[in-house]
C-alpha atoms as a PDB file:
ATOM      1  CA  MET A   1     -21.484  13.813 -28.659  1.00  0.00           C
ATOM      2  CA  SER A   2     -22.489  10.819 -27.120  1.00  0.00           C
ATOM      3  CA  ARG A   3     -25.800  10.347 -25.363  1.00  0.00           C
ATOM      4  CA  ALA A   4     -24.188   9.333 -22.174  1.00  0.00           C
ATOM      5  CA  PHE A   5     -23.005  12.610 -21.617  1.00  0.00           C
ATOM      6  CA  ILE A   6     -26.159  14.418 -21.996  1.00  0.00           C
ATOM      7  CA  ARG A   7     -29.424  14.560 -20.015  1.00  0.00           C
ATOM      8  CA  GLU A   8     -33.154  14.191 -21.772  1.00  0.00           C
ATOM      9  CA  SER A   9     -34.264  17.578 -20.742  1.00  0.00           C
ATOM     10  CA  ASP A  10     -33.164  20.175 -18.896  1.00  0.00           C
ATOM     11  CA  ASP A  11     -35.562  19.950 -16.124  1.00  0.00           C
ATOM     12  CA  ALA A  12     -34.665  16.113 -15.228  1.00  0.00           C
ATOM     13  CA  PRO A  13     -32.842  15.997 -12.029  1.00  0.00           C
ATOM     14  CA  GLU A  14     -29.048  16.005 -11.980  1.00  0.00           C
ATOM     15  CA  LEU A  15     -28.086  12.876  -9.649  1.00  0.00           C
ATOM     16  CA  PRO A  16     -25.408  13.467  -7.104  1.00  0.00           C
ATOM     17  CA  LEU A  17     -21.876  11.890  -7.792  1.00  0.00           C
ATOM     18  CA  PRO A  18     -20.985   9.234  -5.148  1.00  0.00           C
ATOM     19  CA  ARG A  19     -18.652  10.019  -2.346  1.00  0.00           C
ATOM     20  CA  ARG A  20     -15.255   9.128  -2.702  1.00  0.00           C
ATOM     21  CA  ARG A  21     -14.079   6.882   0.258  1.00  0.00           C
ATOM     22  CA  GLU A  22     -11.318   8.410   2.327  1.00  0.00           C
ATOM     23  CA  SER A  23      -9.583   6.865   5.294  1.00  0.00           C
ATOM     24  CA  PRO A  24     -10.129   9.211   8.285  1.00  0.00           C
ATOM     25  CA  ALA A  25      -7.497  11.160   8.612  1.00  0.00           C
ATOM     26  CA  GLY A  26      -4.298  10.390  10.285  1.00  0.00           C
ATOM     27  CA  THR A  27      -4.767   6.826  10.369  1.00  0.00           C
ATOM     28  CA  LEU A  28      -2.562   5.687   7.537  1.00  0.00           C
ATOM     29  CA  LYS A  29       1.159   5.388   8.506  1.00  0.00           C
ATOM     30  CA  GLN A  30       3.466   7.614   6.219  1.00  0.00           C
ATOM     31  CA  PRO A  31       6.405   6.360   4.525  1.00  0.00           C
ATOM     32  CA  ALA A  32       9.538   7.690   6.127  1.00  0.00           C
ATOM     33  CA  PRO A  33      11.773   9.656   3.708  1.00  0.00           C
ATOM     34  CA  GLU A  34      15.370   8.509   5.357  1.00  0.00           C
ATOM     35  CA  GLY A  35      16.034   5.694   8.201  1.00  0.00           C
ATOM     36  CA  PRO A  36      18.306   2.844   9.588  1.00  0.00           C
ATOM     37  CA  PRO A  37      19.221   0.877   6.377  1.00  0.00           C
ATOM     38  CA  ASP A  38      16.772  -2.348   7.722  1.00  0.00           C
ATOM     39  CA  GLN A  39      14.012  -0.301   8.148  1.00  0.00           C
ATOM     40  CA  VAL A  40      10.959  -0.583   6.581  1.00  0.00           C
ATOM     41  CA  ARG A  41      10.068   2.301   4.075  1.00  0.00           C
ATOM     42  CA  LEU A  42       9.093   3.345   0.202  1.00  0.00           C
ATOM     43  CA  GLY A  43      11.401   1.577  -1.661  1.00  0.00           C
ATOM     44  CA  ALA A  44      12.192  -1.212   0.044  1.00  0.00           C
ATOM     45  CA  THR A  45      12.488  -5.141  -1.135  1.00  0.00           C
ATOM     46  CA  VAL A  46      11.143  -6.721   1.976  1.00  0.00           C
ATOM     47  CA  THR A  47      11.296 -10.401   2.393  1.00  0.00           C
ATOM     48  CA  ILE A  48       8.484 -11.681   5.522  1.00  0.00           C
ATOM     49  CA  ARG A  49       8.122 -15.136   6.780  1.00  0.00           C
ATOM     50  CA  ASP A  50       4.878 -16.568   7.574  1.00  0.00           C
ATOM     51  CA  ALA A  51       3.463 -20.132   8.974  1.00  0.00           C
ATOM     52  CA  ASP A  52       3.719 -20.510   5.028  1.00  0.00           C
ATOM     53  CA  GLY A  53       7.255 -19.794   4.157  1.00  0.00           C
ATOM     54  CA  GLU A  54       8.510 -16.628   3.124  1.00  0.00           C
ATOM     55  CA  SER A  55       7.624 -14.012   0.103  1.00  0.00           C
ATOM     56  CA  THR A  56       9.471 -10.857  -1.001  1.00  0.00           C
ATOM     57  CA  PHE A  57       7.974  -7.433  -2.375  1.00  0.00           C
ATOM     58  CA  GLU A  58       9.111  -3.888  -2.916  1.00  0.00           C
ATOM     59  CA  ILE A  59       7.148  -1.098  -1.252  1.00  0.00           C
ATOM     60  CA  VAL A  60       6.132   1.186  -3.994  1.00  0.00           C
ATOM     61  CA  THR A  61       4.128   4.668  -4.938  1.00  0.00           C
ATOM     62  CA  PRO A  62       0.308   3.842  -5.295  1.00  0.00           C
ATOM     63  CA  GLU A  63       0.798   4.334  -9.354  1.00  0.00           C
ATOM     64  CA  GLN A  64       3.422   1.736  -9.531  1.00  0.00           C
ATOM     65  CA  ALA A  65       1.989  -1.088  -7.680  1.00  0.00           C
ATOM     66  CA  ASP A  66       1.733  -3.895  -9.408  1.00  0.00           C
ATOM     67  CA  PRO A  67       0.777  -7.277  -7.214  1.00  0.00           C
ATOM     68  CA  ALA A  68       1.908  -9.549  -9.890  1.00  0.00           C
ATOM     69  CA  GLY A  69       5.135  -8.263 -10.318  1.00  0.00           C
ATOM     70  CA  TYR A  70       5.688  -8.076  -6.135  1.00  0.00           C
ATOM     71  CA  LYS A  71       4.805  -4.339  -5.932  1.00  0.00           C
ATOM     72  CA  ILE A  72       2.902  -3.398  -3.640  1.00  0.00           C
ATOM     73  CA  SER A  73       1.765   0.242  -2.352  1.00  0.00           C
ATOM     74  CA  TRP A  74       3.054   1.610   0.563  1.00  0.00           C
ATOM     75  CA  GLN A  75      -0.853   2.424   1.163  1.00  0.00           C
ATOM     76  CA  SER A  76      -2.079  -1.305   0.947  1.00  0.00           C
ATOM     77  CA  PRO A  77      -2.714  -3.035   4.438  1.00  0.00           C
ATOM     78  CA  LEU A  78       0.116  -5.314   4.357  1.00  0.00           C
ATOM     79  CA  ALA A  79       2.464  -2.283   3.891  1.00  0.00           C
ATOM     80  CA  GLN A  80       0.768  -0.594   6.315  1.00  0.00           C
ATOM     81  CA  ALA A  81       1.608  -3.199   8.632  1.00  0.00           C
ATOM     82  CA  ILE A  82       5.173  -3.528   8.256  1.00  0.00           C
ATOM     83  CA  LEU A  83       5.974  -0.146   7.273  1.00  0.00           C
ATOM     84  CA  HIS A  84       8.601   1.686  10.158  1.00  0.00           C
ATOM     85  CA  ALA A  85       9.236  -2.145  11.357  1.00  0.00           C
ATOM     86  CA  ARG A  86      12.877  -3.351  11.167  1.00  0.00           C
ATOM     87  CA  GLN A  87      14.950  -6.237  10.046  1.00  0.00           C
ATOM     88  CA  GLY A  88      14.047  -8.810  12.984  1.00  0.00           C
ATOM     89  CA  ASP A  89      10.932  -7.883  13.743  1.00  0.00           C
ATOM     90  CA  ARG A  90       7.506  -9.371  14.587  1.00  0.00           C
ATOM     91  CA  VAL A  91       4.311  -7.986  13.150  1.00  0.00           C
ATOM     92  CA  THR A  92       0.577  -9.243  13.376  1.00  0.00           C
ATOM     93  CA  PHE A  93      -0.937  -8.758   9.657  1.00  0.00           C
ATOM     94  CA  ARG A  94      -4.663  -9.811  10.170  1.00  0.00           C
ATOM     95  CA  ASP A  95      -3.985 -12.010  12.613  1.00  0.00           C
ATOM     96  CA  VAL A  96      -0.872 -13.859  11.211  1.00  0.00           C
ATOM     97  CA  ALA A  97       2.612 -13.412  12.349  1.00  0.00           C
ATOM     98  CA  LEU A  98       5.182 -11.804  10.217  1.00  0.00           C
ATOM     99  CA  GLU A  99       8.545 -11.771  10.608  1.00  0.00           C
ATOM    100  CA  ILE A 100      10.532  -9.223   8.371  1.00  0.00           C
ATOM    101  CA  VAL A 101      13.178 -11.466   7.338  1.00  0.00           C
ATOM    102  CA  ARG A 102      15.613  -8.703   4.955  1.00  0.00           C
ATOM    103  CA  VAL A 103      14.913  -5.301   4.166  1.00  0.00           C
ATOM    104  CA  VAL A 104      17.062  -4.109   0.995  1.00  0.00           C
ATOM    105  CA  TYR A 105      17.477  -0.739  -0.824  1.00  0.00           C
ATOM    106  CA  SER A 106      18.604  -0.615  -4.413  1.00  0.00           C
ATOM    107  CA  ARG A 107      21.346   1.270  -5.131  1.00  0.00           C
ATOM    108  CA  ILE A 108      20.644   3.530  -8.190  1.00  0.00           C
END
């Protein structure tokens, strides 16, 4: 057994584990399971526009998130800013004006 997992002696004090950072209850928008086809929800591929141009990404679960693959978690700050917005809506994210240009859902 690795010594990393044992104490040097039984009388050594056990250090407390760091507390997990949690968001205050109710601060995260929850993804809507159903809604209008132009509304940003979990599973949407969204195109947004800001002063620098357009960006397209998919809203996914935290386990599927892959920023390099243009997949962001619904819990991410950007997704939270646009969740429930509809195509054509304007939202603000970190003092930047964004327009929801397109919302598409893949058919399986």
